[in-house]
Amino acid sequence: MKKVYKVKSDLFNKVCTLTHDPELDKLQGKIWAPKKLEEANKLLRNLKTPLPK
């Protein structure tokens, strides 16, 4: 269940809405970006035509 927090900013004098999703806590400590970059690099190496300069 997502939790919504409303916080009033003293700096800008506006109300900010923050949403906390507990499903994202499961990703704690895992690194996803390097795996995606590695996959993209493999696909780029397999291109038959060179990239434009």
N, C-alpha and C. Protein backbone atom coordinates (compact mmCIF):
# COMPACT_ATOMS: atom_id res chain seq x y z
N MET A 1 0.84 -1.17 0.00
CA MET A 1 0.00 0.00 0.00
C MET A 1 0.89 1.24 0.00
N LYS A 2 0.62 2.14 -0.90
CA LYS A 2 1.40 3.36 -1.00
C LYS A 2 0.96 4.34 0.09
N LYS A 3 1.93 5.02 0.67
CA LYS A 3 1.64 6.03 1.67
C LYS A 3 1.94 7.40 1.07
N VAL A 4 1.05 8.33 1.30
CA VAL A 4 1.20 9.68 0.77
C VAL A 4 1.43 10.63 1.94
N TYR A 5 2.53 11.39 1.85
CA TYR A 5 2.85 12.37 2.87
C TYR A 5 2.79 13.76 2.25
N LYS A 6 2.19 14.68 2.97
CA LYS A 6 2.15 16.06 2.51
C LYS A 6 2.99 16.89 3.47
N VAL A 7 3.95 17.61 2.91
CA VAL A 7 4.88 18.41 3.70
C VAL A 7 4.84 19.84 3.19
N LYS A 8 4.77 20.78 4.12
CA LYS A 8 4.78 22.19 3.71
C LYS A 8 6.22 22.67 3.69
N SER A 9 6.64 23.21 2.55
CA SER A 9 7.99 23.71 2.38
C SER A 9 8.08 25.13 2.93
N ASP A 10 8.98 25.35 3.87
CA ASP A 10 9.17 26.68 4.42
C ASP A 10 9.88 27.59 3.43
N LEU A 11 10.70 27.01 2.60
CA LEU A 11 11.48 27.79 1.65
C LEU A 11 10.60 28.43 0.57
N PHE A 12 9.72 27.62 -0.03
CA PHE A 12 8.89 28.10 -1.13
C PHE A 12 7.45 28.37 -0.72
N ASN A 13 7.10 28.04 0.52
CA ASN A 13 5.76 28.26 1.05
C ASN A 13 4.70 27.53 0.23
N LYS A 14 5.00 26.26 -0.13
CA LYS A 14 4.07 25.43 -0.88
C LYS A 14 3.97 24.07 -0.22
N VAL A 15 2.95 23.32 -0.58
CA VAL A 15 2.76 21.97 -0.05
C VAL A 15 3.32 20.97 -1.06
N CYS A 16 4.20 20.11 -0.59
CA CYS A 16 4.79 19.07 -1.44
C CYS A 16 4.16 17.73 -1.08
N THR A 17 3.94 16.89 -2.06
CA THR A 17 3.37 15.58 -1.84
C THR A 17 4.45 14.53 -2.10
N LEU A 18 4.70 13.69 -1.10
CA LEU A 18 5.68 12.62 -1.22
C LEU A 18 4.94 11.29 -1.16
N THR A 19 5.30 10.36 -2.02
CA THR A 19 4.66 9.05 -2.05
C THR A 19 5.71 7.99 -1.74
N HIS A 20 5.39 7.11 -0.77
CA HIS A 20 6.30 6.01 -0.42
C HIS A 20 5.67 4.70 -0.86
N ASP A 21 6.39 3.96 -1.70
CA ASP A 21 5.90 2.67 -2.19
C ASP A 21 6.76 1.57 -1.57
N PRO A 22 6.20 0.73 -0.71
CA PRO A 22 6.99 -0.33 -0.06
C PRO A 22 7.52 -1.38 -1.04
N GLU A 23 6.95 -1.48 -2.22
CA GLU A 23 7.45 -2.42 -3.23
C GLU A 23 8.87 -2.05 -3.66
N LEU A 24 9.19 -0.76 -3.63
CA LEU A 24 10.53 -0.32 -4.02
C LEU A 24 11.58 -0.64 -2.97
N ASP A 25 11.15 -0.92 -1.73
CA ASP A 25 12.10 -1.30 -0.69
C ASP A 25 12.75 -2.64 -0.98
N LYS A 26 12.10 -3.46 -1.78
CA LYS A 26 12.66 -4.77 -2.13
C LYS A 26 13.91 -4.62 -2.99
N LEU A 27 14.07 -3.49 -3.66
CA LEU A 27 15.22 -3.26 -4.53
C LEU A 27 16.42 -2.74 -3.76
N GLN A 28 16.30 -2.62 -2.47
CA GLN A 28 17.36 -2.03 -1.66
C GLN A 28 18.65 -2.83 -1.80
N GLY A 29 19.73 -2.16 -2.17
CA GLY A 29 21.02 -2.80 -2.27
C GLY A 29 21.29 -3.45 -3.62
N LYS A 30 20.31 -3.49 -4.49
CA LYS A 30 20.52 -4.10 -5.80
C LYS A 30 20.87 -3.01 -6.80
N ILE A 31 21.76 -3.36 -7.71
CA ILE A 31 22.20 -2.41 -8.73
C ILE A 31 21.67 -2.90 -10.07
N TRP A 32 20.79 -2.11 -10.66
CA TRP A 32 20.19 -2.50 -11.93
C TRP A 32 20.83 -1.80 -13.12
N ALA A 33 21.30 -0.58 -12.96
CA ALA A 33 21.80 0.20 -14.08
C ALA A 33 22.97 -0.47 -14.79
N PRO A 34 24.00 -0.97 -14.10
CA PRO A 34 25.12 -1.60 -14.83
C PRO A 34 24.68 -2.79 -15.67
N LYS A 35 23.68 -3.54 -15.23
CA LYS A 35 23.21 -4.68 -16.02
C LYS A 35 22.56 -4.18 -17.31
N LYS A 36 21.80 -3.11 -17.21
CA LYS A 36 21.16 -2.56 -18.41
C LYS A 36 22.20 -1.98 -19.35
N LEU A 37 23.22 -1.32 -18.79
CA LEU A 37 24.29 -0.77 -19.62
C LEU A 37 25.07 -1.87 -20.31
N GLU A 38 25.32 -2.95 -19.61
CA GLU A 38 26.04 -4.08 -20.20
C GLU A 38 25.24 -4.66 -21.38
N GLU A 39 23.94 -4.78 -21.20
CA GLU A 39 23.09 -5.30 -22.27
C GLU A 39 23.09 -4.36 -23.48
N ALA A 40 23.04 -3.05 -23.22
CA ALA A 40 23.05 -2.07 -24.30
C ALA A 40 24.39 -2.10 -25.04
N ASN A 41 25.48 -2.26 -24.31
CA ASN A 41 26.80 -2.32 -24.94
C ASN A 41 26.93 -3.55 -25.83
N LYS A 42 26.38 -4.66 -25.40
CA LYS A 42 26.42 -5.87 -26.23
C LYS A 42 25.64 -5.66 -27.53
N LEU A 43 24.48 -5.01 -27.41
CA LEU A 43 23.68 -4.75 -28.61
C LEU A 43 24.40 -3.79 -29.55
N LEU A 44 25.08 -2.80 -29.01
CA LEU A 44 25.81 -1.85 -29.85
C LEU A 44 26.97 -2.53 -30.58
N ARG A 45 27.63 -3.47 -29.92
CA ARG A 45 28.74 -4.18 -30.56
C ARG A 45 28.25 -5.03 -31.72
N ASN A 46 27.02 -5.49 -31.64
CA ASN A 46 26.48 -6.39 -32.66
C ASN A 46 25.87 -5.64 -33.85
N LEU A 47 25.91 -4.33 -33.83
CA LEU A 47 25.37 -3.57 -34.96
C LEU A 47 26.20 -3.83 -36.21
N LYS A 48 25.53 -3.98 -37.33
CA LYS A 48 26.24 -4.25 -38.57
C LYS A 48 26.76 -2.97 -39.22
N THR A 49 26.07 -1.85 -39.01
CA THR A 49 26.51 -0.59 -39.59
C THR A 49 27.13 0.27 -38.50
N PRO A 50 28.17 1.04 -38.84
CA PRO A 50 28.78 1.90 -37.82
C PRO A 50 27.86 3.06 -37.45
N LEU A 51 28.04 3.54 -36.25
CA LEU A 51 27.25 4.68 -35.79
C LEU A 51 27.72 5.96 -36.48
N PRO A 52 26.81 6.88 -36.79
CA PRO A 52 27.21 8.14 -37.42
C PRO A 52 28.02 8.99 -36.46
N LYS A 53 28.95 9.76 -37.03
CA LYS A 53 29.81 10.59 -36.18
C LYS A 53 29.17 11.93 -35.91
